[in-house]
PDB file of N, CA and C in Angstrom:
ATOM      1  N   MET A   1       0.848  -1.184   0.000  1.00  0.00           N
ATOM      2  CA  MET A   1       0.000   0.000   0.000  1.00  0.00           C
ATOM      3  C   MET A   1       0.882   1.232   0.000  1.00  0.00           C
ATOM      4  N   GLY A   2       0.434   2.281  -0.667  1.00  0.00           N
ATOM      5  CA  GLY A   2       1.189   3.514  -0.787  1.00  0.00           C
ATOM      6  C   GLY A   2       0.967   4.447   0.379  1.00  0.00           C
ATOM      7  N   GLU A   3       0.792   5.711   0.065  1.00  0.00           N
ATOM      8  CA  GLU A   3       0.612   6.757   1.073  1.00  0.00           C
ATOM      9  C   GLU A   3      -0.660   6.543   1.887  1.00  0.00           C
ATOM     10  N   THR A   4      -0.597   6.923   3.149  1.00  0.00           N
ATOM     11  CA  THR A   4      -1.743   6.782   4.040  1.00  0.00           C
ATOM     12  C   THR A   4      -2.858   7.725   3.592  1.00  0.00           C
ATOM     13  N   PRO A   5      -4.069   7.202   3.404  1.00  0.00           N
ATOM     14  CA  PRO A   5      -5.185   8.068   2.999  1.00  0.00           C
ATOM     15  C   PRO A   5      -5.529   9.083   4.091  1.00  0.00           C
ATOM     16  N   GLY A   6      -5.952  10.259   3.684  1.00  0.00           N
ATOM     17  CA  GLY A   6      -6.314  11.305   4.642  1.00  0.00           C
ATOM     18  C   GLY A   6      -7.408  10.876   5.602  1.00  0.00           C
ATOM     19  N   TRP A   7      -8.388  10.129   5.138  1.00  0.00           N
ATOM     20  CA  TRP A   7      -9.481   9.711   6.005  1.00  0.00           C
ATOM     21  C   TRP A   7      -8.994   8.804   7.137  1.00  0.00           C
ATOM     22  N   ALA A   8      -7.853   8.140   6.951  1.00  0.00           N
ATOM     23  CA  ALA A   8      -7.322   7.254   7.990  1.00  0.00           C
ATOM     24  C   ALA A   8      -6.681   8.036   9.130  1.00  0.00           C
ATOM     25  N   ARG A   9      -6.585   9.366   8.965  1.00  0.00           N
ATOM     26  CA  ARG A   9      -5.976  10.210   9.994  1.00  0.00           C
ATOM     27  C   ARG A   9      -7.011  11.102  10.685  1.00  0.00           C
ATOM     28  N   ARG A  10      -8.274  10.761  10.587  1.00  0.00           N
ATOM     29  CA  ARG A  10      -9.331  11.574  11.204  1.00  0.00           C
ATOM     30  C   ARG A  10      -9.282  11.555  12.725  1.00  0.00           C
ATOM     31  N   ALA A  11      -8.691  10.512  13.286  1.00  0.00           N
ATOM     32  CA  ALA A  11      -8.612  10.346  14.737  1.00  0.00           C
ATOM     33  C   ALA A  11      -7.456   9.405  15.025  1.00  0.00           C
ATOM     34  N   ARG A  12      -7.112   9.230  16.301  1.00  0.00           N
ATOM     35  CA  ARG A  12      -6.040   8.275  16.647  1.00  0.00           C
ATOM     36  C   ARG A  12      -6.394   6.872  16.177  1.00  0.00           C
ATOM     37  N   VAL A  13      -7.678   6.502  16.339  1.00  0.00           N
ATOM     38  CA  VAL A  13      -8.125   5.177  15.910  1.00  0.00           C
ATOM     39  C   VAL A  13      -9.280   5.370  14.932  1.00  0.00           C
ATOM     40  N   VAL A  14      -9.174   4.758  13.769  1.00  0.00           N
ATOM     41  CA  VAL A  14     -10.209   4.841  12.744  1.00  0.00           C
ATOM     42  C   VAL A  14     -10.615   3.427  12.357  1.00  0.00           C
ATOM     43  N   VAL A  15     -11.926   3.225  12.237  1.00  0.00           N
ATOM     44  CA  VAL A  15     -12.448   1.947  11.783  1.00  0.00           C
ATOM     45  C   VAL A  15     -13.122   2.176  10.433  1.00  0.00           C
ATOM     46  N   LEU A  16     -12.655   1.463   9.419  1.00  0.00           N
ATOM     47  CA  LEU A  16     -13.266   1.493   8.093  1.00  0.00           C
ATOM     48  C   LEU A  16     -14.216   0.309   8.016  1.00  0.00           C
ATOM     49  N   GLY A  17     -15.488   0.594   7.776  1.00  0.00           N
ATOM     50  CA  GLY A  17     -16.472  -0.475   7.743  1.00  0.00           C
ATOM     51  C   GLY A  17     -17.624  -0.151   6.820  1.00  0.00           C
ATOM     52  N   LYS A  18     -18.696  -0.907   6.977  1.00  0.00           N
ATOM     53  CA  LYS A  18     -19.898  -0.665   6.186  1.00  0.00           C
ATOM     54  C   LYS A  18     -21.115  -0.991   7.032  1.00  0.00           C
ATOM     55  N   PRO A  19     -22.271  -0.447   6.640  1.00  0.00           N
ATOM     56  CA  PRO A  19     -23.498  -0.709   7.393  1.00  0.00           C
ATOM     57  C   PRO A  19     -23.877  -2.192   7.371  1.00  0.00           C
ATOM     58  N   GLU A  20     -24.554  -2.606   8.427  1.00  0.00           N
ATOM     59  CA  GLU A  20     -25.075  -3.969   8.546  1.00  0.00           C
ATOM     60  C   GLU A  20     -23.980  -5.026   8.441  1.00  0.00           C
ATOM     61  N   CYS A  21     -22.847  -4.731   9.042  1.00  0.00           N
ATOM     62  CA  CYS A  21     -21.703  -5.640   9.051  1.00  0.00           C
ATOM     63  C   CYS A  21     -21.468  -6.048  10.507  1.00  0.00           C
ATOM     64  N   HIS A  22     -21.732  -7.304  10.842  1.00  0.00           N
ATOM     65  CA  HIS A  22     -21.599  -7.723  12.236  1.00  0.00           C
ATOM     66  C   HIS A  22     -20.152  -7.640  12.726  1.00  0.00           C
ATOM     67  N   LEU A  23     -19.183  -7.917  11.874  1.00  0.00           N
ATOM     68  CA  LEU A  23     -17.786  -7.783  12.292  1.00  0.00           C
ATOM     69  C   LEU A  23     -17.432  -6.322  12.564  1.00  0.00           C
ATOM     70  N   CYS A  24     -18.025  -5.412  11.779  1.00  0.00           N
ATOM     71  CA  CYS A  24     -17.797  -3.979  11.994  1.00  0.00           C
ATOM     72  C   CYS A  24     -18.364  -3.551  13.341  1.00  0.00           C
ATOM     73  N   GLU A  25     -19.543  -4.040  13.668  1.00  0.00           N
ATOM     74  CA  GLU A  25     -20.160  -3.714  14.960  1.00  0.00           C
ATOM     75  C   GLU A  25     -19.308  -4.232  16.111  1.00  0.00           C
ATOM     76  N   GLU A  26     -18.786  -5.447  15.976  1.00  0.00           N
ATOM     77  CA  GLU A  26     -17.922  -6.017  17.018  1.00  0.00           C
ATOM     78  C   GLU A  26     -16.641  -5.199  17.153  1.00  0.00           C
ATOM     79  N   ALA A  27     -16.039  -4.846  16.031  1.00  0.00           N
ATOM     80  CA  ALA A  27     -14.804  -4.052  16.054  1.00  0.00           C
ATOM     81  C   ALA A  27     -15.053  -2.697  16.702  1.00  0.00           C
ATOM     82  N   TRP A  28     -16.158  -2.054  16.325  1.00  0.00           N
ATOM     83  CA  TRP A  28     -16.468  -0.734  16.877  1.00  0.00           C
ATOM     84  C   TRP A  28     -16.665  -0.814  18.391  1.00  0.00           C
ATOM     85  N   SER A  29     -17.273  -1.875  18.868  1.00  0.00           N
ATOM     86  CA  SER A  29     -17.480  -2.050  20.299  1.00  0.00           C
ATOM     87  C   SER A  29     -16.138  -2.110  21.041  1.00  0.00           C
ATOM     88  N   VAL A  30     -15.191  -2.848  20.511  1.00  0.00           N
ATOM     89  CA  VAL A  30     -13.863  -2.937  21.122  1.00  0.00           C
ATOM     90  C   VAL A  30     -13.168  -1.574  21.053  1.00  0.00           C
ATOM     91  N   VAL A  31     -13.237  -0.924  19.907  1.00  0.00           N
ATOM     92  CA  VAL A  31     -12.596   0.383  19.734  1.00  0.00           C
ATOM     93  C   VAL A  31     -13.195   1.406  20.697  1.00  0.00           C
ATOM     94  N   GLU A  32     -14.511   1.413  20.850  1.00  0.00           N
ATOM     95  CA  GLU A  32     -15.150   2.333  21.802  1.00  0.00           C
ATOM     96  C   GLU A  32     -14.641   2.111  23.221  1.00  0.00           C
ATOM     97  N   ARG A  33     -14.615   0.853  23.628  1.00  0.00           N
ATOM     98  CA  ARG A  33     -14.184   0.525  24.988  1.00  0.00           C
ATOM     99  C   ARG A  33     -12.737   0.972  25.228  1.00  0.00           C
ATOM    100  N   VAL A  34     -11.850   0.646  24.300  1.00  0.00           N
ATOM    101  CA  VAL A  34     -10.429   0.958  24.464  1.00  0.00           C
ATOM    102  C   VAL A  34     -10.183   2.460  24.396  1.00  0.00           C
ATOM    103  N   THR A  35     -10.767   3.135  23.419  1.00  0.00           N
ATOM    104  CA  THR A  35     -10.520   4.574  23.280  1.00  0.00           C
ATOM    105  C   THR A  35     -11.129   5.355  24.433  1.00  0.00           C
ATOM    106  N   ASP A  36     -12.289   4.943  24.923  1.00  0.00           N
ATOM    107  CA  ASP A  36     -12.871   5.597  26.099  1.00  0.00           C
ATOM    108  C   ASP A  36     -11.958   5.411  27.314  1.00  0.00           C
ATOM    109  N   ASP A  37     -11.474   4.201  27.487  1.00  0.00           N
ATOM    110  CA  ASP A  37     -10.619   3.900  28.630  1.00  0.00           C
ATOM    111  C   ASP A  37      -9.297   4.677  28.572  1.00  0.00           C
ATOM    112  N   LEU A  38      -8.726   4.808  27.369  1.00  0.00           N
ATOM    113  CA  LEU A  38      -7.429   5.461  27.218  1.00  0.00           C
ATOM    114  C   LEU A  38      -7.538   6.957  26.912  1.00  0.00           C
ATOM    115  N   GLY A  39      -8.746   7.431  26.661  1.00  0.00           N
ATOM    116  CA  GLY A  39      -8.941   8.853  26.397  1.00  0.00           C
ATOM    117  C   GLY A  39      -8.381   9.326  25.070  1.00  0.00           C
ATOM    118  N   VAL A  40      -8.488   8.495  24.033  1.00  0.00           N
ATOM    119  CA  VAL A  40      -8.021   8.893  22.707  1.00  0.00           C
ATOM    120  C   VAL A  40      -9.205   8.986  21.745  1.00  0.00           C
ATOM    121  N   THR A  41      -9.000   9.707  20.651  1.00  0.00           N
ATOM    122  CA  THR A  41     -10.082   9.930  19.699  1.00  0.00           C
ATOM    123  C   THR A  41     -10.272   8.722  18.791  1.00  0.00           C
ATOM    124  N   ARG A  42     -11.495   8.604  18.300  1.00  0.00           N
ATOM    125  CA  ARG A  42     -11.846   7.536  17.371  1.00  0.00           C
ATOM    126  C   ARG A  42     -12.782   8.088  16.320  1.00  0.00           C
ATOM    127  N   ALA A  43     -12.815   7.429  15.170  1.00  0.00           N
ATOM    128  CA  ALA A  43     -13.733   7.814  14.093  1.00  0.00           C
ATOM    129  C   ALA A  43     -14.109   6.559  13.321  1.00  0.00           C
ATOM    130  N   GLU A  44     -15.293   6.630  12.758  1.00  0.00           N
ATOM    131  CA  GLU A  44     -15.773   5.549  11.914  1.00  0.00           C
ATOM    132  C   GLU A  44     -15.913   6.099  10.499  1.00  0.00           C
ATOM    133  N   VAL A  45     -15.376   5.374   9.519  1.00  0.00           N
ATOM    134  CA  VAL A  45     -15.444   5.777   8.118  1.00  0.00           C
ATOM    135  C   VAL A  45     -16.124   4.654   7.361  1.00  0.00           C
ATOM    136  N   ARG A  46     -17.087   5.014   6.536  1.00  0.00           N
ATOM    137  CA  ARG A  46     -17.788   4.009   5.739  1.00  0.00           C
ATOM    138  C   ARG A  46     -17.049   3.764   4.429  1.00  0.00           C
ATOM    139  N   LEU A  47     -17.071   2.537   3.993  1.00  0.00           N
ATOM    140  CA  LEU A  47     -16.389   2.136   2.776  1.00  0.00           C
ATOM    141  C   LEU A  47     -16.814   2.985   1.585  1.00  0.00           C
ATOM    142  N   GLU A  48     -18.090   3.357   1.533  1.00  0.00           N
ATOM    143  CA  GLU A  48     -18.571   4.146   0.396  1.00  0.00           C
ATOM    144  C   GLU A  48     -18.094   5.605   0.441  1.00  0.00           C
ATOM    145  N   GLU A  49     -17.471   6.029   1.544  1.00  0.00           N
ATOM    146  CA  GLU A  49     -16.954   7.395   1.665  1.00  0.00           C
ATOM    147  C   GLU A  49     -15.537   7.543   1.119  1.00  0.00           C
ATOM    148  N   VAL A  50     -14.860   6.442   0.886  1.00  0.00           N
ATOM    149  CA  VAL A  50     -13.459   6.510   0.481  1.00  0.00           C
ATOM    150  C   VAL A  50     -13.337   6.411  -1.040  1.00  0.00           C
ATOM    151  N   GLY A  51     -12.177   6.721  -1.548  1.00  0.00           N
ATOM    152  CA  GLY A  51     -11.939   6.683  -2.985  1.00  0.00           C
ATOM    153  C   GLY A  51     -11.937   5.275  -3.541  1.00  0.00           C
ATOM    154  N   GLU A  52     -12.035   5.201  -4.843  1.00  0.00           N
ATOM    155  CA  GLU A  52     -12.111   3.917  -5.547  1.00  0.00           C
ATOM    156  C   GLU A  52     -10.903   3.020  -5.234  1.00  0.00           C
ATOM    157  N   ALA A  53      -9.710   3.575  -5.231  1.00  0.00           N
ATOM    158  CA  ALA A  53      -8.514   2.765  -4.963  1.00  0.00           C
ATOM    159  C   ALA A  53      -8.566   2.159  -3.560  1.00  0.00           C
ATOM    160  N   ASP A  54      -9.015   2.945  -2.581  1.00  0.00           N
ATOM    161  CA  ASP A  54      -9.122   2.426  -1.213  1.00  0.00           C
ATOM    162  C   ASP A  54     -10.240   1.407  -1.091  1.00  0.00           C
ATOM    163  N   ARG A  55     -11.354   1.614  -1.806  1.00  0.00           N
ATOM    164  CA  ARG A  55     -12.432   0.608  -1.791  1.00  0.00           C
ATOM    165  C   ARG A  55     -11.910  -0.715  -2.332  1.00  0.00           C
ATOM    166  N   GLU A  56     -11.165  -0.658  -3.429  1.00  0.00           N
ATOM    167  CA  GLU A  56     -10.610  -1.879  -4.010  1.00  0.00           C
ATOM    168  C   GLU A  56      -9.620  -2.541  -3.064  1.00  0.00           C
ATOM    169  N   GLU A  57      -8.828  -1.726  -2.369  1.00  0.00           N
ATOM    170  CA  GLU A  57      -7.822  -2.250  -1.435  1.00  0.00           C
ATOM    171  C   GLU A  57      -8.457  -2.941  -0.228  1.00  0.00           C
ATOM    172  N   TYR A  58      -9.536  -2.372   0.299  1.00  0.00           N
ATOM    173  CA  TYR A  58     -10.049  -2.806   1.605  1.00  0.00           C
ATOM    174  C   TYR A  58     -11.398  -3.519   1.597  1.00  0.00           C
ATOM    175  N   TRP A  59     -12.121  -3.582   0.493  1.00  0.00           N
ATOM    176  CA  TRP A  59     -13.491  -4.092   0.506  1.00  0.00           C
ATOM    177  C   TRP A  59     -13.609  -5.494   1.095  1.00  0.00           C
ATOM    178  N   ASP A  60     -12.609  -6.324   0.883  1.00  0.00           N
ATOM    179  CA  ASP A  60     -12.693  -7.695   1.386  1.00  0.00           C
ATOM    180  C   ASP A  60     -11.998  -7.879   2.731  1.00  0.00           C
ATOM    181  N   LYS A  61     -11.570  -6.773   3.354  1.00  0.00           N
ATOM    182  CA  LYS A  61     -10.864  -6.844   4.633  1.00  0.00           C
ATOM    183  C   LYS A  61     -11.631  -6.179   5.772  1.00  0.00           C
ATOM    184  N   ILE A  62     -12.775  -5.563   5.473  1.00  0.00           N
ATOM    185  CA  ILE A  62     -13.461  -4.787   6.502  1.00  0.00           C
ATOM    186  C   ILE A  62     -13.996  -5.687   7.611  1.00  0.00           C
ATOM    187  N   PRO A  63     -14.016  -5.164   8.804  1.00  0.00           N
ATOM    188  CA  PRO A  63     -13.550  -3.842   9.199  1.00  0.00           C
ATOM    189  C   PRO A  63     -12.024  -3.779   9.230  1.00  0.00           C
ATOM    190  N   VAL A  64     -11.516  -2.617   8.864  1.00  0.00           N
ATOM    191  CA  VAL A  64     -10.081  -2.366   8.901  1.00  0.00           C
ATOM    192  C   VAL A  64      -9.850  -1.288   9.951  1.00  0.00           C
ATOM    193  N   THR A  65      -8.924  -1.546  10.855  1.00  0.00           N
ATOM    194  CA  THR A  65      -8.624  -0.609  11.929  1.00  0.00           C
ATOM    195  C   THR A  65      -7.290   0.078  11.641  1.00  0.00           C
ATOM    196  N   PHE A  66      -7.275   1.389  11.833  1.00  0.00           N
ATOM    197  CA  PHE A  66      -6.067   2.198  11.658  1.00  0.00           C
ATOM    198  C   PHE A  66      -5.742   2.865  12.986  1.00  0.00           C
ATOM    199  N   VAL A  67      -4.465   2.899  13.333  1.00  0.00           N
ATOM    200  CA  VAL A  67      -3.999   3.594  14.526  1.00  0.00           C
ATOM    201  C   VAL A  67      -2.955   4.606  14.065  1.00  0.00           C
ATOM    202  N   ASP A  68      -3.195   5.861  14.396  1.00  0.00           N
ATOM    203  CA  ASP A  68      -2.296   6.950  13.998  1.00  0.00           C
ATOM    204  C   ASP A  68      -2.040   6.949  12.490  1.00  0.00           C
ATOM    205  N   GLY A  69      -3.097   6.654  11.728  1.00  0.00           N
ATOM    206  CA  GLY A  69      -3.016   6.711  10.275  1.00  0.00           C
ATOM    207  C   GLY A  69      -2.427   5.490   9.594  1.00  0.00           C
ATOM    208  N   ARG A  70      -2.000   4.505  10.371  1.00  0.00           N
ATOM    209  CA  ARG A  70      -1.407   3.304   9.801  1.00  0.00           C
ATOM    210  C   ARG A  70      -2.323   2.113  10.011  1.00  0.00           C
ATOM    211  N   ARG A  71      -2.413   1.260   8.990  1.00  0.00           N
ATOM    212  CA  ARG A  71      -3.273   0.085   9.126  1.00  0.00           C
ATOM    213  C   ARG A  71      -2.775  -0.779  10.279  1.00  0.00           C
ATOM    214  N   HIS A  72      -3.710  -1.099  11.160  1.00  0.00           N
ATOM    215  CA  HIS A  72      -3.386  -1.895  12.340  1.00  0.00           C
ATOM    216  C   HIS A  72      -3.866  -3.339  12.173  1.00  0.00           C
ATOM    217  N   ASP A  73      -5.122  -3.506  11.813  1.00  0.00           N
ATOM    218  CA  ASP A  73      -5.721  -4.831  11.781  1.00  0.00           C
ATOM    219  C   ASP A  73      -6.895  -4.851  10.817  1.00  0.00           C
ATOM    220  N   PHE A  74      -7.341  -6.054  10.468  1.00  0.00           N
ATOM    221  CA  PHE A  74      -8.569  -6.177   9.693  1.00  0.00           C
ATOM    222  C   PHE A  74      -9.334  -7.414  10.147  1.00  0.00           C
ATOM    223  N   TRP A  75     -10.614  -7.436   9.836  1.00  0.00           N
ATOM    224  CA  TRP A  75     -11.599  -8.454  10.202  1.00  0.00           C
ATOM    225  C   TRP A  75     -11.942  -8.457  11.685  1.00  0.00           C
ATOM    226  N   ARG A  76     -10.993  -8.562  12.548  1.00  0.00           N
ATOM    227  CA  ARG A  76     -11.242  -8.586  13.989  1.00  0.00           C
ATOM    228  C   ARG A  76     -10.299  -7.614  14.692  1.00  0.00           C
ATOM    229  N   VAL A  77     -10.736  -7.123  15.851  1.00  0.00           N
ATOM    230  CA  VAL A  77      -9.894  -6.232  16.651  1.00  0.00           C
ATOM    231  C   VAL A  77      -9.654  -6.902  17.994  1.00  0.00           C
ATOM    232  N   ALA A  78      -8.398  -7.173  18.279  1.00  0.00           N
ATOM    233  CA  ALA A  78      -8.014  -7.748  19.575  1.00  0.00           C
ATOM    234  C   ALA A  78      -7.746  -6.588  20.527  1.00  0.00           C
ATOM    235  N   GLU A  79      -8.460  -6.573  21.632  1.00  0.00           N
ATOM    236  CA  GLU A  79      -8.350  -5.464  22.579  1.00  0.00           C
ATOM    237  C   GLU A  79      -6.917  -5.249  23.066  1.00  0.00           C
ATOM    238  N   ASP A  80      -6.230  -6.318  23.404  1.00  0.00           N
ATOM    239  CA  ASP A  80      -4.857  -6.162  23.916  1.00  0.00           C
ATOM    240  C   ASP A  80      -3.908  -5.619  22.849  1.00  0.00           C
ATOM    241  N   ARG A  81      -4.056  -6.058  21.612  1.00  0.00           N
ATOM    242  CA  ARG A  81      -3.207  -5.554  20.521  1.00  0.00           C
ATOM    243  C   ARG A  81      -3.495  -4.078  20.250  1.00  0.00           C
ATOM    244  N   LEU A  82      -4.772  -3.699  20.320  1.00  0.00           N
ATOM    245  CA  LEU A  82      -5.135  -2.310  20.087  1.00  0.00           C
ATOM    246  C   LEU A  82      -4.558  -1.421  21.192  1.00  0.00           C
ATOM    247  N   ARG A  83      -4.694  -1.848  22.416  1.00  0.00           N
ATOM    248  CA  ARG A  83      -4.131  -1.075  23.535  1.00  0.00           C
ATOM    249  C   ARG A  83      -2.618  -0.899  23.369  1.00  0.00           C
ATOM    250  N   SER A  84      -1.961  -1.950  22.994  1.00  0.00           N
ATOM    251  CA  SER A  84      -0.510  -1.906  22.789  1.00  0.00           C
ATOM    252  C   SER A  84      -0.139  -0.962  21.647  1.00  0.00           C
ATOM    253  N   ALA A  85      -0.900  -0.995  20.569  1.00  0.00           N
ATOM    254  CA  ALA A  85      -0.615  -0.128  19.419  1.00  0.00           C
ATOM    255  C   ALA A  85      -0.814   1.334  19.749  1.00  0.00           C
ATOM    256  N   ILE A  86      -1.808   1.624  20.587  1.00  0.00           N
ATOM    257  CA  ILE A  86      -2.054   3.020  20.977  1.00  0.00           C
ATOM    258  C   ILE A  86      -0.946   3.494  21.898  1.00  0.00           C
ATOM    259  N   GLY A  87      -0.497   2.625  22.788  1.00  0.00           N
ATOM    260  CA  GLY A  87       0.642   2.924  23.624  1.00  0.00           C
ATOM    261  C   GLY A  87       0.499   4.059  24.595  1.00  0.00           C
ATOM    262  N   VAL A  88      -0.697   4.278  25.109  1.00  0.00           N
ATOM    263  CA  VAL A  88      -0.909   5.355  26.093  1.00  0.00           C
ATOM    264  C   VAL A  88      -0.709   4.813  27.484  1.00  0.00           C
TER     265      VAL A  88
END
């Protein structure tokens, strides 16, 4: 993957997902818990909001989690790995 997309830098933790996605809901739940606990910002970005190249890159990996603009994980979010990546 090339340069980090601007939308991936909207917050410390960004979740790229789509509506009616059970894995996205599970990921968001973990992200909410961790970011609330650590006091860091989070944002949710929908797949249809990103450019064509990013849709092609990530459509089969959602939810995709980004920490500080860098891809962290996809499909599932492990709470301990997310906490470690945030490093607060």
